[in-house]
Protein backbone atom coordinates (compact mmCIF):
# COMPACT_ATOMS: atom_id res chain seq x y z
CA MET A 1 120.33 -48.99 3.73
CA SER A 2 117.67 -48.74 6.31
CA ASP A 3 114.42 -46.90 5.98
CA ASN A 4 115.69 -44.22 8.32
CA THR A 5 118.81 -43.77 6.28
CA ASP A 6 116.75 -43.48 3.13
CA PHE A 7 114.46 -40.90 4.69
CA ALA A 8 117.45 -38.88 5.94
CA ALA A 9 118.97 -38.95 2.43
CA LEU A 10 115.76 -37.72 0.98
CA LEU A 11 115.61 -34.78 3.37
CA ASP A 12 119.18 -33.90 2.53
CA GLU A 13 118.43 -34.03 -1.16
CA TYR A 14 115.29 -31.85 -0.63
CA ASP A 15 117.17 -29.25 1.42
CA ALA A 16 119.87 -29.12 -1.20
CA GLY A 17 117.32 -28.48 -3.90
CA PRO A 18 117.16 -25.06 -5.72
CA GLN A 19 113.98 -24.04 -3.85
CA LYS A 20 115.83 -24.25 -0.56
CA LYS A 21 118.93 -22.30 -1.33
CA ASN A 22 119.51 -19.28 0.87
CA PRO A 23 119.61 -15.88 -1.06
CA LYS A 24 122.69 -13.76 -0.83
CA VAL A 25 123.08 -10.55 1.06
CA GLY A 26 121.93 -7.66 -1.07
CA GLN A 27 119.70 -9.81 -3.30
CA MET A 28 116.21 -8.55 -4.03
CA ILE A 29 113.69 -11.26 -3.39
CA SER A 30 109.94 -11.80 -3.66
CA GLY A 31 107.92 -13.69 -1.02
CA LYS A 32 104.54 -14.26 0.46
CA ILE A 33 103.62 -13.04 3.95
CA LEU A 34 103.02 -15.92 6.32
CA SER A 35 102.17 -14.05 9.48
CA ILE A 36 102.18 -10.59 11.01
CA GLY A 37 103.53 -10.35 14.58
CA THR A 38 103.73 -7.59 17.11
CA GLN A 39 107.29 -6.68 16.02
CA ASN A 40 108.04 -8.67 12.89
CA VAL A 41 106.52 -9.83 9.64
CA PHE A 42 107.50 -13.42 8.57
CA VAL A 43 107.81 -14.08 4.84
CA ASP A 44 108.10 -17.31 2.86
CA ILE A 45 110.88 -16.69 0.42
CA GLY A 46 111.38 -20.27 -0.72
CA ALA A 47 114.54 -20.70 1.39
CA LYS A 48 115.53 -22.92 4.31
CA SER A 49 114.57 -20.17 6.73
CA GLU A 50 111.83 -17.64 6.70
CA GLY A 51 112.44 -14.07 5.84
CA ILE A 52 111.96 -11.66 8.72
CA LEU A 53 110.93 -8.09 8.16
CA ASP A 54 110.57 -5.36 10.82
CA LEU A 55 106.88 -4.46 11.37
CA ALA A 56 107.73 -0.72 11.10
CA GLU A 57 108.51 -1.24 7.42
CA VAL A 58 104.86 -2.03 6.67
CA LEU A 59 103.16 0.72 8.76
CA ASP A 60 101.86 3.94 7.23
CA SER A 61 102.22 7.37 8.69
CA GLU A 62 99.30 6.72 11.13
CA GLY A 63 100.83 3.44 12.38
CA LYS A 64 98.44 1.16 10.55
CA VAL A 65 99.68 -2.01 8.83
CA THR A 66 99.55 -1.73 5.08
CA VAL A 67 99.81 -5.46 4.14
CA ASN A 68 97.88 -8.72 4.89
CA GLU A 69 98.76 -12.35 5.29
CA GLY A 70 99.11 -13.94 1.84
CA ASP A 71 100.32 -10.67 0.16
CA THR A 72 103.37 -10.82 -1.99
CA ILE A 73 106.12 -8.30 -1.18
CA GLU A 74 109.61 -7.38 -2.49
CA ALA A 75 112.52 -6.73 -0.11
CA ARG A 76 116.32 -6.82 0.05
CA VAL A 77 118.26 -9.33 1.95
CA VAL A 78 120.46 -7.67 4.59
CA GLU A 79 121.50 -10.62 6.78
CA THR A 80 121.36 -14.40 6.16
CA ASP A 81 121.78 -15.52 9.81
CA GLY A 82 120.10 -12.84 11.76
CA LYS A 83 117.22 -12.75 14.12
CA ALA A 84 116.46 -16.23 15.58
CA GLY A 85 118.57 -17.68 12.68
CA GLY A 86 116.22 -16.18 10.12
CA ILE A 87 116.92 -14.18 6.97
CA VAL A 88 116.64 -10.47 7.78
CA LEU A 89 114.80 -8.47 5.13
CA GLN A 90 114.58 -4.78 4.42
CA ARG A 91 112.28 -2.76 2.18
CA LYS A 92 113.72 0.69 2.61
CA VAL A 93 116.65 2.49 4.14
CA SER A 94 115.67 4.45 7.30
CA ARG A 95 117.29 6.80 9.71
CA GLY A 96 120.30 5.55 11.75
CA ALA A 97 121.69 3.37 8.94
CA ASP A 98 125.33 3.66 7.87
CA ALA A 99 124.91 6.37 5.20
CA ALA A 100 127.40 5.50 2.55
CA SER A 101 126.89 1.77 2.49
CA ALA A 102 123.13 1.98 2.96
CA LEU A 103 122.68 4.53 0.19
CA GLY A 104 125.03 2.56 -2.06
CA GLY A 105 123.03 -0.69 -1.58
CA ALA A 106 119.68 1.13 -2.00
CA PHE A 107 120.85 2.75 -5.29
CA GLU A 108 122.24 -0.59 -6.65
CA HIS A 109 119.08 -2.59 -5.87
CA GLY A 110 116.44 0.23 -6.29
CA LEU A 111 115.43 0.02 -2.69
CA PRO A 112 113.30 2.93 -1.33
CA VAL A 113 115.04 5.34 1.17
CA GLU A 114 113.18 7.30 3.87
CA GLY A 115 113.78 11.07 3.90
CA VAL A 116 112.53 14.37 5.31
CA VAL A 117 112.04 17.41 3.07
CA GLN A 118 114.08 20.10 4.82
CA GLU A 119 113.48 23.19 2.61
CA THR A 120 112.78 24.43 -0.82
CA ILE A 121 115.74 25.42 -3.02
CA LYS A 122 116.19 26.47 -6.59
CA GLY A 123 114.60 23.80 -8.83
CA GLY A 124 113.58 21.54 -6.07
CA PHE A 125 114.04 20.38 -2.45
CA ASN A 126 116.75 19.71 0.04
CA VAL A 127 115.99 16.20 1.53
CA GLN A 128 117.67 14.55 4.56
CA VAL A 129 118.26 10.95 3.69
CA ALA A 130 120.09 8.59 6.25
CA GLY A 131 121.83 11.61 7.69
CA MET A 132 122.95 12.83 4.32
CA ARG A 133 121.62 15.70 2.03
CA ALA A 134 119.98 14.76 -1.18
CA PHE A 135 118.31 16.80 -3.86
CA CYS A 136 114.80 16.13 -5.16
CA PRO A 137 113.73 18.02 -8.40
CA VAL A 138 110.33 19.76 -7.91
CA SER A 139 108.97 17.64 -10.79
CA GLN A 140 109.95 14.44 -8.86
CA ILE A 141 108.24 15.25 -5.44
CA ASP A 142 104.82 14.24 -6.68
CA SER A 143 103.11 12.49 -9.49
CA ARG A 144 101.12 15.63 -10.33
CA TYR A 145 102.04 19.24 -11.01
CA VAL A 146 103.13 21.04 -7.83
CA GLU A 147 101.52 24.45 -7.42
CA ASP A 148 102.87 25.24 -3.89
CA PRO A 149 106.16 23.50 -3.13
CA GLU A 150 106.15 24.72 0.55
CA VAL A 151 103.34 22.25 1.44
CA PHE A 152 105.94 19.46 1.29
CA VAL A 153 108.51 20.96 3.67
CA GLY A 154 108.74 19.06 6.89
CA LYS A 155 107.05 16.04 5.53
CA ARG A 156 108.51 12.52 5.60
CA PHE A 157 108.29 10.39 2.47
CA ASP A 158 109.91 7.40 0.79
CA PHE A 159 112.21 8.13 -2.16
CA VAL A 160 114.14 6.11 -4.75
CA ILE A 161 117.77 7.19 -5.57
CA THR A 162 118.14 8.12 -9.11
CA LYS A 163 121.78 9.43 -8.98
CA LEU A 164 124.59 8.64 -6.51
CA GLU A 165 128.21 9.80 -7.26
CA PRO A 166 131.14 11.03 -5.14
CA GLY A 167 131.20 14.71 -4.28
CA ARG A 168 133.58 17.05 -2.51
CA GLY A 169 135.52 15.49 0.45
CA LYS A 170 133.35 12.86 2.08
CA ASN A 171 130.12 14.27 0.64
CA MET A 172 128.13 12.42 -2.05
CA ASN A 173 125.86 13.85 -4.84
CA VAL A 174 122.50 12.22 -4.11
CA VAL A 175 119.44 12.85 -6.40
CA VAL A 176 116.08 11.21 -5.30
CA SER A 177 112.58 10.88 -6.76
CA ARG A 178 109.35 10.28 -4.97
CA ARG A 179 107.32 10.39 -8.25
CA GLN A 180 108.84 7.07 -9.52
CA LEU A 181 107.64 5.28 -6.41
CA LEU A 182 104.16 6.90 -6.70
CA GLU A 183 103.79 6.08 -10.32
CA LYS A 184 104.75 2.48 -9.66
CA GLU A 185 102.14 2.18 -6.80
CA ASN A 186 99.49 3.81 -9.01
CA ALA A 187 100.28 1.34 -11.85
CA VAL A 188 99.53 -1.56 -9.44
CA LYS A 189 96.39 0.12 -8.10
CA ALA A 190 95.24 1.04 -11.62
CA ALA A 191 95.60 -2.61 -12.75
CA GLU A 192 93.17 -3.81 -10.06
CA ILE A 193 90.69 -0.88 -10.59
CA ARG A 194 90.70 -1.41 -14.26
CA LYS A 195 89.21 -4.88 -13.86
CA THR A 196 86.24 -3.46 -12.04
CA LEU A 197 85.29 -0.57 -14.33
CA GLU A 198 81.88 -0.59 -15.94
CA ILE A 199 79.40 2.03 -17.21
CA GLY A 200 76.87 2.86 -14.51
CA LYS A 201 79.09 1.83 -11.54
CA VAL A 202 79.15 4.20 -8.56
CA MET A 203 82.65 4.91 -7.12
CA THR A 204 84.29 7.06 -4.51
CA GLY A 205 87.27 9.17 -5.59
CA VAL A 206 89.42 12.17 -4.66
CA VAL A 207 89.43 15.43 -6.59
CA THR A 208 93.01 15.99 -7.90
CA THR A 209 92.76 18.82 -10.44
CA LEU A 210 90.36 21.62 -11.22
CA LYS A 211 90.11 23.03 -14.73
CA ASP A 212 87.65 25.57 -16.33
CA TYR A 213 85.82 22.72 -17.96
CA GLY A 214 85.61 20.28 -15.00
CA ALA A 215 87.26 18.35 -12.24
CA PHE A 216 89.61 15.31 -12.47
CA VAL A 217 89.00 12.56 -9.86
CA ASP A 218 91.39 9.83 -8.79
CA LEU A 219 89.48 6.52 -8.65
CA GLY A 220 92.47 4.74 -7.10
CA GLY A 221 95.31 4.92 -9.75
CA LEU A 222 93.11 5.99 -12.54
CA GLU A 223 91.63 9.36 -13.22
CA GLY A 224 88.38 10.33 -14.65
CA LEU A 225 86.75 13.65 -15.60
CA VAL A 226 83.60 15.17 -14.24
CA HIS A 227 82.63 17.76 -16.83
CA ILE A 228 81.31 20.96 -15.45
CA SER A 229 77.92 20.16 -16.86
CA GLU A 230 77.91 16.93 -14.89
CA MET A 231 78.80 18.39 -11.49
CA GLY A 232 75.14 19.05 -10.54
CA HIS A 233 71.69 20.14 -11.74
CA HIS A 234 72.51 23.69 -10.66
CA ARG A 235 74.43 25.56 -13.29
CA ILE A 236 77.94 26.71 -12.11
CA SER A 237 80.58 28.92 -13.84
CA HIS A 238 83.62 27.04 -12.38
CA PRO A 239 84.15 23.64 -10.73
CA SER A 240 85.50 25.37 -7.61
CA GLU A 241 81.94 26.53 -6.79
CA LYS A 242 81.22 22.73 -6.22
CA VAL A 243 84.37 20.98 -5.12
CA ALA A 244 87.98 21.56 -3.94
CA VAL A 245 91.18 19.61 -4.55
CA GLY A 246 91.32 16.79 -1.96
CA ASP A 247 87.61 16.46 -1.59
CA LYS A 248 86.12 12.91 -1.49
CA VAL A 249 83.24 12.71 -4.01
CA GLU A 250 80.89 10.00 -5.10
CA VAL A 251 80.63 9.65 -8.91
CA GLN A 252 79.06 7.44 -11.52
CA ILE A 253 80.86 6.18 -14.69
CA LYS A 254 79.09 7.52 -17.70
CA ALA A 255 81.49 6.45 -20.47
CA ILE A 256 84.80 4.73 -20.96
CA GLU A 257 86.84 5.36 -24.11
CA PRO A 258 89.54 2.86 -24.99
CA PRO A 259 93.28 3.93 -24.54
CA SER A 260 94.67 6.03 -27.25
CA GLY A 261 97.33 8.82 -27.88
CA LYS A 262 100.66 9.26 -26.29
CA ARG A 263 99.45 8.62 -22.80
CA ASN A 264 97.80 5.37 -23.81
CA GLU A 265 95.23 5.60 -21.08
CA GLU A 266 91.48 4.98 -21.04
CA LYS A 267 89.37 8.19 -20.69
CA ILE A 268 86.68 7.83 -18.18
CA SER A 269 83.80 10.19 -18.06
CA LEU A 270 82.23 10.71 -14.70
CA SER A 271 78.98 12.31 -13.34
CA MET A 272 78.03 13.75 -9.92
CA LYS A 273 74.75 15.02 -11.29
CA SER A 274 73.45 11.48 -11.77
CA MET A 275 73.91 10.94 -8.09
CA GLU A 276 71.45 13.77 -7.21
CA ALA A 277 67.66 13.73 -7.54
CA SER A 278 66.46 15.53 -10.57
CA PRO A 279 64.79 18.85 -9.77
CA TRP A 280 62.12 18.07 -12.34
CA LEU A 281 60.77 15.42 -10.04
CA SER A 282 59.32 18.12 -7.78
CA VAL A 283 58.94 20.89 -10.32
CA GLY A 284 55.16 21.02 -9.82
CA ASP A 285 55.65 21.96 -6.18
CA LYS A 286 58.01 24.85 -7.09
CA VAL A 287 56.88 26.28 -10.42
CA LYS A 288 53.31 26.87 -11.60
CA ALA A 289 52.05 28.47 -14.76
CA GLY A 290 50.86 32.04 -14.16
CA SER A 291 53.04 32.52 -11.07
CA LYS A 292 55.52 35.39 -10.69
CA MET A 293 59.16 34.40 -9.63
CA THR A 294 62.60 36.02 -9.17
CA GLY A 295 65.37 34.41 -11.13
CA VAL A 296 69.02 34.96 -12.31
CA ILE A 297 69.97 35.12 -15.92
CA THR A 298 72.43 32.28 -16.64
CA ARG A 299 73.10 32.74 -20.33
CA LEU A 300 72.13 34.81 -23.35
CA GLN A 301 71.37 33.54 -26.88
CA PRO A 302 70.20 35.40 -29.99
CA PHE A 303 66.68 34.10 -29.47
CA GLY A 304 66.37 34.97 -25.80
CA ALA A 305 67.67 34.63 -22.21
CA PHE A 306 67.83 31.68 -19.93
CA VAL A 307 66.84 32.26 -16.35
CA GLU A 308 67.35 29.97 -13.35
CA ILE A 309 64.20 30.31 -11.21
CA ALA A 310 65.00 27.40 -8.79
CA PRO A 311 68.19 25.31 -8.20
CA GLY A 312 68.59 23.24 -11.39
CA LEU A 313 65.54 24.63 -13.14
CA GLU A 314 66.00 27.07 -16.02
CA GLY A 315 63.46 28.66 -18.28
CA LEU A 316 63.64 30.68 -21.44
CA VAL A 317 62.46 34.28 -21.81
CA HIS A 318 62.00 34.59 -25.57
CA ILE A 319 63.48 37.77 -27.13
CA SER A 320 59.90 38.89 -27.90
CA GLN A 321 59.22 38.91 -24.17
CA LEU A 322 62.21 40.88 -23.16
CA GLY A 323 61.68 44.38 -24.59
CA ALA A 324 58.39 45.46 -22.94
CA ASP A 325 56.73 46.00 -26.38
CA ARG A 326 60.09 47.46 -27.72
CA ARG A 327 61.71 45.56 -30.56
CA ILE A 328 65.31 44.52 -29.78
CA ASN A 329 67.94 42.70 -31.89
CA HIS A 330 69.69 40.88 -29.00
CA PRO A 331 68.92 40.15 -25.34
CA SER A 332 72.13 41.93 -24.35
CA GLN A 333 70.39 45.21 -25.13
CA VAL A 334 68.25 44.90 -22.11
CA VAL A 335 69.75 42.24 -19.72
CA LYS A 336 73.00 40.63 -18.81
CA GLU A 337 74.28 37.41 -17.40
CA GLY A 338 74.08 37.28 -13.59
CA GLN A 339 71.30 39.89 -13.39
CA SER A 340 68.40 39.22 -11.11
CA VAL A 341 65.00 39.65 -12.87
CA GLU A 342 61.26 39.26 -12.21
CA VAL A 343 59.56 36.87 -14.56
CA LYS A 344 56.14 35.31 -15.11
CA VAL A 345 55.85 31.57 -15.74
CA VAL A 346 53.95 31.08 -18.98
CA LEU A 347 54.25 27.39 -19.56
CA VAL A 348 55.68 24.36 -17.64
CA ASP A 349 56.16 21.19 -19.72
CA THR A 350 57.26 18.52 -17.33
CA GLN A 351 57.35 15.73 -20.01
CA ALA A 352 59.75 17.72 -22.24
CA GLN A 353 61.40 19.46 -19.24
CA ARG A 354 60.91 22.90 -20.65
CA ILE A 355 59.75 26.15 -18.97
CA SER A 356 58.66 29.22 -20.90
CA LEU A 357 59.07 32.65 -19.08
CA SER A 358 58.25 36.20 -19.76
CA MET A 359 59.27 39.55 -18.36
CA ASN A 360 56.00 40.95 -19.55
CA MET A 361 53.74 40.41 -16.53
CA ASN A 362 50.75 40.42 -18.96
CA ALA A 363 52.14 37.71 -21.19
CA ASP A 364 49.67 35.61 -23.19
CA PRO A 365 49.84 31.87 -22.03
CA ASP A 366 49.61 30.86 -25.73
CA ARG A 367 53.07 32.59 -26.18
CA GLY A 368 54.61 29.91 -24.15
CA LYS A 369 53.41 27.17 -26.49
CA ALA A 370 55.06 28.97 -29.37
CA ASP A 371 58.33 29.18 -27.43
CA SER A 372 58.40 25.53 -26.53
CA LYS A 373 60.00 24.50 -29.83
CA THR A 374 62.65 27.29 -29.39
CA ILE A 375 63.53 25.98 -26.00
CA GLN A 376 63.93 22.46 -27.32
CA GLU A 377 66.26 23.59 -30.09
CA ALA A 378 68.23 25.74 -27.74
CA ASN A 379 68.78 22.85 -25.29
CA ALA A 380 69.87 20.59 -28.08
CA LYS A 381 72.43 23.15 -29.18
CA SER A 382 73.79 24.25 -25.82
CA GLY A 383 73.38 21.24 -23.58
CA GLY A 384 73.06 18.26 -25.80
CA SER A 385 76.62 17.56 -26.42
CA MET A 386 79.83 18.45 -24.63
CA GLY A 387 82.22 17.15 -27.33
CA THR A 388 84.46 14.10 -26.85
CA PHE A 389 86.37 13.40 -23.64
CA ALA A 390 89.57 13.57 -25.74
CA ASP A 391 88.72 17.16 -26.65
CA LEU A 392 88.31 18.07 -23.01
CA LEU A 393 91.45 16.32 -22.05
CA LYS A 394 93.58 18.35 -24.36
CA GLY A 395 93.51 21.19 -21.78
CA LYS A 396 95.01 19.00 -19.15
CA VAL A 397 97.67 17.46 -21.24
């Protein structure tokens, strides 16, 4: 046998190998993107021919390509001898497809289908999928709680078919879920983000949920909590005073608790306050002992009233300095939260970050030294601890 014959035999043997077998129509395959053209994406699927995917299947709503060369993707084989002799791939069922066969194949292989939310109905949404009507439960339209279902009407999304069965006449009962796709995407993103997490790292996230105790921020598949006390140096009564759902925010990781509980997810404590300059750095330019200022009472304690005299700067008016020489049992007898008051600065301790105030304009400066310890104890009790992240998370769960 000649060298040429030997070489031809080797080629035949190589082509007949398991790595060169063409996949079957309907089969789900995984492959690496070789190149991205103007109309098609070419994928190495380990077969004799390359897989060809329509470029439209990797574009987002703004027409931007969502994949890169070298990425691994999954798709379904729809033709084995299609465009230019290649193997035609499909990632989702879109408009114009033969409804019954397309939806059947998508359901069998878990292939996403493209649909438009037509209207809200009892318990969910009417969704138009490949020219047919499908039902999406309200709990399956998003990965989070839906407060206003109407915001989804008219929007185009990808769905996965969770139920497909014959209906009346030629109709079919089709139930779809967008949530399953979102959770799968988030799981992939979370795995990548998890590798980069470390205390002190600054990240950009999107506000997803507001609670009385803080704001939850999506870091890209993983959520963290910015407690209300970490939203800024300025005291606020509710997170909505600082941010809104959908806002992009810059945060710093303060703590990471290992996964636990039913959700088995790490608990990430975030801070926006640490990204801002402390008002104490310039306190000397704003607050001076002996000066008179206007402030707002932020909270009452049995020992006195806290007054914000500048953004992020609070001072304590001791109970003995509230009554204008009249003995009182509690600050609420003379003032209330939110009230604007005139105060005199008695003492500014920049090292300990404490300010002593008085509503008695003739207050003795020595009074401030006596109040310093009270302020320190008050700060330790009211601001020194916010509980565990797990305690705070109970409200969301």
